[in-house]
C-alpha atoms as a PDB file:
ATOM      1  CA  UNK A   1     103.385  64.208 117.777  1.00  0.00           C
ATOM      2  CA  UNK A   2     100.612  61.777 118.619  1.00  0.00           C
ATOM      3  CA  UNK A   3     100.542  58.197 117.328  1.00  0.00           C
ATOM      4  CA  UNK A   4      96.747  58.170 117.323  1.00  0.00           C
ATOM      5  CA  UNK A   5      94.710  57.844 114.146  1.00  0.00           C
ATOM      6  CA  UNK A   6      94.064  61.204 112.480  1.00  0.00           C
ATOM      7  CA  UNK A   7      90.939  63.130 113.457  1.00  0.00           C
ATOM      8  CA  UNK A   8      90.780  64.293 109.826  1.00  0.00           C
ATOM      9  CA  UNK A   9      92.239  62.265 106.976  1.00  0.00           C
ATOM     10  CA  UNK A  10      92.109  63.713 103.446  1.00  0.00           C
ATOM     11  CA  UNK A  11      93.484  61.740 100.496  1.00  0.00           C
ATOM     12  CA  UNK A  12      93.867  62.854  96.866  1.00  0.00           C
ATOM     13  CA  UNK A  13      90.963  65.282  97.220  1.00  0.00           C
ATOM     14  CA  UNK A  14      89.828  67.422  94.294  1.00  0.00           C
ATOM     15  CA  UNK A  15      86.820  69.736  94.117  1.00  0.00           C
ATOM     16  CA  UNK A  16      85.472  72.201  91.562  1.00  0.00           C
ATOM     17  CA  UNK A  17      82.612  74.656  91.335  1.00  0.00           C
ATOM     18  CA  UNK A  18      81.386  73.873  87.848  1.00  0.00           C
ATOM     19  CA  UNK A  19      84.469  73.988  85.618  1.00  0.00           C
ATOM     20  CA  UNK A  20      86.504  76.106  88.068  1.00  0.00           C
ATOM     21  CA  UNK A  21      88.904  73.950  90.141  1.00  0.00           C
ATOM     22  CA  UNK A  22      89.137  74.978  93.811  1.00  0.00           C
ATOM     23  CA  UNK A  23      91.081  72.131  95.445  1.00  0.00           C
ATOM     24  CA  UNK A  24      93.384  69.843  93.485  1.00  0.00           C
ATOM     25  CA  UNK A  25      94.797  66.500  94.673  1.00  0.00           C
ATOM     26  CA  UNK A  26      94.988  67.489  98.361  1.00  0.00           C
ATOM     27  CA  UNK A  27      96.164  65.135 101.115  1.00  0.00           C
ATOM     28  CA  UNK A  28      96.237  66.109 104.785  1.00  0.00           C
ATOM     29  CA  UNK A  29      96.078  64.701 108.326  1.00  0.00           C
ATOM     30  CA  UNK A  30      94.947  66.534 111.483  1.00  0.00           C
ATOM     31  CA  UNK A  31      95.719  64.796 114.781  1.00  0.00           C
ATOM     32  CA  UNK A  32      93.774  64.746 118.038  1.00  0.00           C
ATOM     33  CA  UNK A  33      94.915  67.571 120.312  1.00  0.00           C
ATOM     34  CA  UNK A  34      96.609  69.402 117.445  1.00  0.00           C
ATOM     35  CA  UNK A  35      95.823  73.004 116.487  1.00  0.00           C
ATOM     36  CA  UNK A  36      95.967  73.450 112.721  1.00  0.00           C
ATOM     37  CA  UNK A  37      95.509  76.662 110.735  1.00  0.00           C
ATOM     38  CA  UNK A  38      94.507  76.976 107.076  1.00  0.00           C
ATOM     39  CA  UNK A  39      96.267  80.007 105.583  1.00  0.00           C
ATOM     40  CA  UNK A  40      96.000  81.374 102.054  1.00  0.00           C
ATOM     41  CA  UNK A  41      94.628  84.084  99.766  1.00  0.00           C
ATOM     42  CA  UNK A  42      90.934  84.883  99.380  1.00  0.00           C
ATOM     43  CA  UNK A  43      89.387  82.392  96.980  1.00  0.00           C
ATOM     44  CA  UNK A  44      92.219  79.916  97.553  1.00  0.00           C
ATOM     45  CA  UNK A  45      89.912  77.205  98.904  1.00  0.00           C
ATOM     46  CA  UNK A  46      90.213  77.459 102.709  1.00  0.00           C
ATOM     47  CA  UNK A  47      86.489  77.738 103.485  1.00  0.00           C
ATOM     48  CA  UNK A  48      85.685  75.169 100.801  1.00  0.00           C
ATOM     49  CA  UNK A  49      88.056  72.761 102.531  1.00  0.00           C
ATOM     50  CA  UNK A  50      86.147  73.289 105.798  1.00  0.00           C
ATOM     51  CA  UNK A  51      82.857  72.644 104.000  1.00  0.00           C
ATOM     52  CA  UNK A  52      84.243  69.394 102.581  1.00  0.00           C
ATOM     53  CA  UNK A  53      85.318  68.320 106.091  1.00  0.00           C
ATOM     54  CA  UNK A  54      81.778  69.075 107.324  1.00  0.00           C
ATOM     55  CA  UNK A  55      80.229  67.134 104.457  1.00  0.00           C
ATOM     56  CA  UNK A  56      78.464  70.234 103.123  1.00  0.00           C
ATOM     57  CA  UNK A  57      80.215  69.722  99.786  1.00  0.00           C
ATOM     58  CA  UNK A  58      81.060  66.465  98.014  1.00  0.00           C
ATOM     59  CA  UNK A  59      84.520  65.911  96.479  1.00  0.00           C
ATOM     60  CA  UNK A  60      84.857  65.337  92.757  1.00  0.00           C
ATOM     61  CA  UNK A  61      87.501  62.725  93.525  1.00  0.00           C
ATOM     62  CA  UNK A  62      89.431  61.455  96.523  1.00  0.00           C
ATOM     63  CA  UNK A  63      88.001  61.164 100.022  1.00  0.00           C
ATOM     64  CA  UNK A  64      87.561  62.883 103.378  1.00  0.00           C
ATOM     65  CA  UNK A  65      87.281  60.897 106.599  1.00  0.00           C
ATOM     66  CA  UNK A  66      86.546  62.364 110.036  1.00  0.00           C
ATOM     67  CA  UNK A  67      87.108  60.005 112.986  1.00  0.00           C
ATOM     68  CA  UNK A  68      87.495  57.218 110.444  1.00  0.00           C
ATOM     69  CA  UNK A  69      84.057  57.656 108.892  1.00  0.00           C
ATOM     70  CA  UNK A  70      82.234  59.970 106.507  1.00  0.00           C
ATOM     71  CA  UNK A  71      81.809  63.648 107.466  1.00  0.00           C
ATOM     72  CA  UNK A  72      78.037  63.176 107.626  1.00  0.00           C
ATOM     73  CA  UNK A  73      78.377  60.357 110.169  1.00  0.00           C
ATOM     74  CA  UNK A  74      80.827  62.407 112.256  1.00  0.00           C
ATOM     75  CA  UNK A  75      78.941  65.707 112.178  1.00  0.00           C
ATOM     76  CA  UNK A  76      77.474  65.400 115.689  1.00  0.00           C
ATOM     77  CA  UNK A  77      81.040  65.255 117.058  1.00  0.00           C
ATOM     78  CA  UNK A  78      82.074  68.504 115.356  1.00  0.00           C
ATOM     79  CA  UNK A  79      81.748  72.076 116.603  1.00  0.00           C
ATOM     80  CA  UNK A  80      81.668  74.714 113.846  1.00  0.00           C
ATOM     81  CA  UNK A  81      82.033  78.473 113.995  1.00  0.00           C
ATOM     82  CA  UNK A  82      81.235  80.163 110.650  1.00  0.00           C
ATOM     83  CA  UNK A  83      82.768  83.482 109.655  1.00  0.00           C
ATOM     84  CA  UNK A  84      79.361  85.164 109.296  1.00  0.00           C
ATOM     85  CA  UNK A  85      75.846  84.338 110.473  1.00  0.00           C
ATOM     86  CA  UNK A  86      72.795  86.012 108.992  1.00  0.00           C
ATOM     87  CA  UNK A  87      70.165  86.844 111.572  1.00  0.00           C
ATOM     88  CA  UNK A  88      67.035  88.934 111.909  1.00  0.00           C
ATOM     89  CA  UNK A  89      67.929  91.920 114.100  1.00  0.00           C
ATOM     90  CA  UNK A  90      64.311  92.098 115.253  1.00  0.00           C
ATOM     91  CA  UNK A  91      64.177  88.479 116.411  1.00  0.00           C
ATOM     92  CA  UNK A  92      64.157  88.414 120.258  1.00  0.00           C
ATOM     93  CA  UNK A  93      66.803  85.822 121.132  1.00  0.00           C
ATOM     94  CA  UNK A  94      69.165  86.021 124.104  1.00  0.00           C
ATOM     95  CA  UNK A  95      72.882  85.318 124.120  1.00  0.00           C
ATOM     96  CA  UNK A  96      72.328  82.178 126.202  1.00  0.00           C
ATOM     97  CA  UNK A  97      69.672  80.896 123.792  1.00  0.00           C
ATOM     98  CA  UNK A  98      72.064  81.304 120.859  1.00  0.00           C
ATOM     99  CA  UNK A  99      74.770  79.340 122.694  1.00  0.00           C
ATOM    100  CA  UNK A 100      72.309  76.612 123.689  1.00  0.00           C
ATOM    101  CA  UNK A 101      71.653  76.007 119.980  1.00  0.00           C
ATOM    102  CA  UNK A 102      75.082  74.353 119.981  1.00  0.00           C
ATOM    103  CA  UNK A 103      73.686  71.696 122.343  1.00  0.00           C
ATOM    104  CA  UNK A 104      71.017  70.588 119.877  1.00  0.00           C
ATOM    105  CA  UNK A 105      72.518  67.328 118.611  1.00  0.00           C
ATOM    106  CA  UNK A 106      71.058  64.643 116.395  1.00  0.00           C
ATOM    107  CA  UNK A 107      68.228  62.709 117.974  1.00  0.00           C
ATOM    108  CA  UNK A 108      67.706  65.159 120.843  1.00  0.00           C
ATOM    109  CA  UNK A 109      64.325  66.753 121.455  1.00  0.00           C
ATOM    110  CA  UNK A 110      64.455  69.683 123.843  1.00  0.00           C
ATOM    111  CA  UNK A 111      67.132  71.106 126.104  1.00  0.00           C
ATOM    112  CA  UNK A 112      67.477  70.774 129.860  1.00  0.00           C
ATOM    113  CA  UNK A 113      69.393  72.025 132.858  1.00  0.00           C
ATOM    114  CA  UNK A 114      72.671  70.342 131.874  1.00  0.00           C
ATOM    115  CA  UNK A 115      72.506  72.026 128.470  1.00  0.00           C
ATOM    116  CA  UNK A 116      72.015  75.376 130.158  1.00  0.00           C
ATOM    117  CA  UNK A 117      74.967  74.773 132.483  1.00  0.00           C
ATOM    118  CA  UNK A 118      77.271  73.703 129.644  1.00  0.00           C
ATOM    119  CA  UNK A 119      76.241  76.781 127.666  1.00  0.00           C
ATOM    120  CA  UNK A 120      76.981  79.070 130.610  1.00  0.00           C
ATOM    121  CA  UNK A 121      80.391  77.426 130.996  1.00  0.00           C
ATOM    122  CA  UNK A 122      81.093  78.046 127.304  1.00  0.00           C
ATOM    123  CA  UNK A 123      80.141  81.710 127.693  1.00  0.00           C
ATOM    124  CA  UNK A 124      82.484  81.969 130.666  1.00  0.00           C
ATOM    125  CA  UNK A 125      85.355  80.610 128.558  1.00  0.00           C
ATOM    126  CA  UNK A 126      84.910  83.428 126.039  1.00  0.00           C
ATOM    127  CA  UNK A 127      84.471  86.083 128.727  1.00  0.00           C
ATOM    128  CA  UNK A 128      80.750  86.741 128.232  1.00  0.00           C
ATOM    129  CA  UNK A 129      79.128  84.986 131.195  1.00  0.00           C
ATOM    130  CA  UNK A 130      77.674  88.300 132.394  1.00  0.00           C
ATOM    131  CA  UNK A 131      75.870  88.836 129.076  1.00  0.00           C
ATOM    132  CA  UNK A 132      73.840  85.607 129.024  1.00  0.00           C
ATOM    133  CA  UNK A 133      70.506  87.428 129.371  1.00  0.00           C
ATOM    134  CA  UNK A 134      71.249  90.187 126.851  1.00  0.00           C
ATOM    135  CA  UNK A 135      69.544  90.285 123.460  1.00  0.00           C
ATOM    136  CA  UNK A 136      71.948  88.867 120.860  1.00  0.00           C
ATOM    137  CA  UNK A 137      71.168  91.519 118.169  1.00  0.00           C
ATOM    138  CA  UNK A 138      72.206  94.339 120.545  1.00  0.00           C
ATOM    139  CA  UNK A 139      75.804  93.093 120.847  1.00  0.00           C
ATOM    140  CA  UNK A 140      78.744  94.509 118.924  1.00  0.00           C
ATOM    141  CA  UNK A 141      80.190  92.553 116.013  1.00  0.00           C
ATOM    142  CA  UNK A 142      83.098  91.335 118.114  1.00  0.00           C
ATOM    143  CA  UNK A 143      80.821  90.224 120.946  1.00  0.00           C
ATOM    144  CA  UNK A 144      78.607  88.309 118.518  1.00  0.00           C
ATOM    145  CA  UNK A 145      81.734  86.594 117.197  1.00  0.00           C
ATOM    146  CA  UNK A 146      82.600  85.449 120.708  1.00  0.00           C
ATOM    147  CA  UNK A 147      79.045  84.182 121.239  1.00  0.00           C
ATOM    148  CA  UNK A 148      79.466  82.055 118.117  1.00  0.00           C
ATOM    149  CA  UNK A 149      82.712  80.701 119.601  1.00  0.00           C
ATOM    150  CA  UNK A 150      80.777  79.736 122.732  1.00  0.00           C
ATOM    151  CA  UNK A 151      78.062  78.067 120.656  1.00  0.00           C
ATOM    152  CA  UNK A 152      80.716  76.010 118.852  1.00  0.00           C
ATOM    153  CA  UNK A 153      82.313  74.707 122.063  1.00  0.00           C
ATOM    154  CA  UNK A 154      79.110  74.267 124.101  1.00  0.00           C
ATOM    155  CA  UNK A 155      78.665  70.672 122.936  1.00  0.00           C
ATOM    156  CA  UNK A 156      82.222  69.701 124.018  1.00  0.00           C
ATOM    157  CA  UNK A 157      83.145  68.756 120.450  1.00  0.00           C
ATOM    158  CA  UNK A 158      85.891  66.310 119.572  1.00  0.00           C
ATOM    159  CA  UNK A 159      86.753  68.449 116.545  1.00  0.00           C
ATOM    160  CA  UNK A 160      86.404  72.233 116.407  1.00  0.00           C
ATOM    161  CA  UNK A 161      86.356  74.089 113.070  1.00  0.00           C
ATOM    162  CA  UNK A 162      86.591  77.908 113.045  1.00  0.00           C
ATOM    163  CA  UNK A 163      86.378  80.099 109.948  1.00  0.00           C
ATOM    164  CA  UNK A 164      88.162  83.471 110.479  1.00  0.00           C
ATOM    165  CA  UNK A 165      87.244  83.661 114.189  1.00  0.00           C
ATOM    166  CA  UNK A 166      89.377  86.754 114.845  1.00  0.00           C
ATOM    167  CA  UNK A 167      88.228  88.789 111.837  1.00  0.00           C
ATOM    168  CA  UNK A 168      85.821  91.029 113.797  1.00  0.00           C
ATOM    169  CA  UNK A 169      87.387  91.241 117.251  1.00  0.00           C
ATOM    170  CA  UNK A 170      89.812  93.651 118.876  1.00  0.00           C
ATOM    171  CA  UNK A 171      93.180  92.885 120.464  1.00  0.00           C
ATOM    172  CA  UNK A 172      91.722  92.311 123.943  1.00  0.00           C
ATOM    173  CA  UNK A 173      89.177  89.859 122.547  1.00  0.00           C
ATOM    174  CA  UNK A 174      91.927  88.109 120.601  1.00  0.00           C
ATOM    175  CA  UNK A 175      93.709  87.526 123.910  1.00  0.00           C
ATOM    176  CA  UNK A 176      90.497  85.997 125.286  1.00  0.00           C
ATOM    177  CA  UNK A 177      90.240  83.802 122.205  1.00  0.00           C
ATOM    178  CA  UNK A 178      93.866  82.680 122.531  1.00  0.00           C
ATOM    179  CA  UNK A 179      93.288  81.829 126.199  1.00  0.00           C
ATOM    180  CA  UNK A 180      90.201  79.824 125.242  1.00  0.00           C
ATOM    181  CA  UNK A 181      92.166  77.788 122.706  1.00  0.00           C
ATOM    182  CA  UNK A 182      94.856  77.121 125.298  1.00  0.00           C
ATOM    183  CA  UNK A 183      92.152  75.859 127.684  1.00  0.00           C
ATOM    184  CA  UNK A 184      90.695  73.333 125.250  1.00  0.00           C
ATOM    185  CA  UNK A 185      93.749  72.269 123.222  1.00  0.00           C
ATOM    186  CA  UNK A 186      94.464  68.644 123.929  1.00  0.00           C
ATOM    187  CA  UNK A 187      90.754  67.929 124.378  1.00  0.00           C
ATOM    188  CA  UNK A 188      89.932  68.041 120.675  1.00  0.00           C
ATOM    189  CA  UNK A 189      91.378  68.602 117.234  1.00  0.00           C
ATOM    190  CA  UNK A 190      91.143  72.267 116.247  1.00  0.00           C
ATOM    191  CA  UNK A 191      91.215  73.752 112.746  1.00  0.00           C
ATOM    192  CA  UNK A 192      91.277  77.540 112.327  1.00  0.00           C
ATOM    193  CA  UNK A 193      91.079  79.535 109.105  1.00  0.00           C
ATOM    194  CA  UNK A 194      92.955  82.803 109.688  1.00  0.00           C
ATOM    195  CA  UNK A 195      94.696  85.592 107.789  1.00  0.00           C
ATOM    196  CA  UNK A 196      96.470  86.804 110.938  1.00  0.00           C
ATOM    197  CA  UNK A 197      99.913  85.260 110.525  1.00  0.00           C
ATOM    198  CA  UNK A 198     101.096  86.545 113.891  1.00  0.00           C
ATOM    199  CA  UNK A 199      98.138  84.874 115.578  1.00  0.00           C
ATOM    200  CA  UNK A 200      98.835  81.683 113.644  1.00  0.00           C
ATOM    201  CA  UNK A 201     102.455  81.580 114.768  1.00  0.00           C
ATOM    202  CA  UNK A 202     101.550  82.106 118.419  1.00  0.00           C
ATOM    203  CA  UNK A 203      99.010  79.327 118.871  1.00  0.00           C
ATOM    204  CA  UNK A 204      99.101  76.580 116.231  1.00  0.00           C
ATOM    205  CA  UNK A 205     101.099  73.381 115.791  1.00  0.00           C
ATOM    206  CA  UNK A 206     100.587  72.905 112.057  1.00  0.00           C
ATOM    207  CA  UNK A 207     100.036  75.399 109.242  1.00  0.00           C
ATOM    208  CA  UNK A 208      98.345  74.292 106.030  1.00  0.00           C
ATOM    209  CA  UNK A 209      99.056  76.530 103.053  1.00  0.00           C
ATOM    210  CA  UNK A 210      95.968  76.495 100.826  1.00  0.00           C
ATOM    211  CA  UNK A 211      95.829  77.962  97.337  1.00  0.00           C
ATOM    212  CA  UNK A 212      94.186  75.302  95.195  1.00  0.00           C
ATOM    213  CA  UNK A 213      97.013  72.993  96.264  1.00  0.00           C
ATOM    214  CA  UNK A 214      97.425  72.047  99.935  1.00  0.00           C
ATOM    215  CA  UNK A 215     100.795  71.917 101.693  1.00  0.00           C
ATOM    216  CA  UNK A 216     101.350  71.242 105.379  1.00  0.00           C
ATOM    217  CA  UNK A 217     104.287  72.484 107.438  1.00  0.00           C
ATOM    218  CA  UNK A 218     105.342  73.090 111.039  1.00  0.00           C
ATOM    219  CA  UNK A 219     105.232  76.629 112.404  1.00  0.00           C
ATOM    220  CA  UNK A 220     108.986  76.529 113.053  1.00  0.00           C
ATOM    221  CA  UNK A 221     109.629  76.040 109.330  1.00  0.00           C
ATOM    222  CA  UNK A 222     107.619  79.038 108.155  1.00  0.00           C
ATOM    223  CA  UNK A 223     109.449  81.903 106.502  1.00  0.00           C
ATOM    224  CA  UNK A 224     108.713  84.627 103.970  1.00  0.00           C
ATOM    225  CA  UNK A 225     109.517  82.319 101.045  1.00  0.00           C
ATOM    226  CA  UNK A 226     106.680  79.982 102.085  1.00  0.00           C
ATOM    227  CA  UNK A 227     104.182  82.826 101.864  1.00  0.00           C
ATOM    228  CA  UNK A 228     105.675  84.325  98.705  1.00  0.00           C
ATOM    229  CA  UNK A 229     105.137  80.975  96.975  1.00  0.00           C
ATOM    230  CA  UNK A 230     101.599  80.827  98.384  1.00  0.00           C
ATOM    231  CA  UNK A 231     100.478  84.398  97.579  1.00  0.00           C
ATOM    232  CA  UNK A 232     102.628  84.890  94.479  1.00  0.00           C
ATOM    233  CA  UNK A 233     104.215  88.140  95.670  1.00  0.00           C
ATOM    234  CA  UNK A 234     106.731  89.447  98.180  1.00  0.00           C
ATOM    235  CA  UNK A 235     105.307  89.796 101.698  1.00  0.00           C
ATOM    236  CA  UNK A 236     106.432  91.362 104.943  1.00  0.00           C
ATOM    237  CA  UNK A 237     105.683  89.204 107.955  1.00  0.00           C
ATOM    238  CA  UNK A 238     105.478  90.907 111.345  1.00  0.00           C
ATOM    239  CA  UNK A 239     106.452  89.480 114.706  1.00  0.00           C
ATOM    240  CA  UNK A 240     103.790  90.110 117.353  1.00  0.00           C
ATOM    241  CA  UNK A 241     105.314  91.718 120.397  1.00  0.00           C
ATOM    242  CA  UNK A 242     108.446  92.836 118.550  1.00  0.00           C
ATOM    243  CA  UNK A 243     109.482  96.445 118.068  1.00  0.00           C
ATOM    244  CA  UNK A 244     108.889  96.559 114.358  1.00  0.00           C
ATOM    245  CA  UNK A 245     108.952  94.087 111.512  1.00  0.00           C
ATOM    246  CA  UNK A 246     111.269  91.235 110.773  1.00  0.00           C
ATOM    247  CA  UNK A 247     111.158  89.917 107.227  1.00  0.00           C
ATOM    248  CA  UNK A 248     111.236  86.175 106.873  1.00  0.00           C
ATOM    249  CA  UNK A 249     110.013  85.355 110.378  1.00  0.00           C
ATOM    250  CA  UNK A 250     106.715  84.970 112.157  1.00  0.00           C
END
């Protein structure tokens, strides 16, 4: 475990949409070089927590600091991959142009050769270097998801936030994604929202159980009771690569 200051520091955070509480009295640290996953039921507050870290929502009480300052001040140092992106299927934009959007930081006017090179390198990391010239709308859902991964890492972020990055990709693409995370872990803090518990167990250092409350634990300490308390019902947890299921283990 690193002795560095946290990349993300959340203290006594509460947030509501109107009168409906979403996050209550949450405290959490994410360290540089650590891979953290937010896990929990739909509507439990995982995406809202990401939006609070990005400064897209304001807490009702408590505070969020990113790199020791406000989320708004830190935003240029963050790479973000949303779960879904709305786009006009008739708009003629190439894969490379979409990835280069990730190079458009605050105070920059126009993109140059270095931005193009960094974007091509990001596409190579997600296994799509040969599709740089293709029209983005013609790609499959899984391919578009990987392009969004490339866009998020093109700026060499110090913190990478990903919302359900594996939700639309097949097993082969998941392997590419896992390899990409292994390549960049240690270079930045990484936070991943995921429902794939097997994926979580294979790649992350810290799991944050989110269902209005927030509770952090190490992967080694996860068992079926953790998830039963989180989801409120008995669950079967599968081991990836095992011949069948094993209750109580990831």
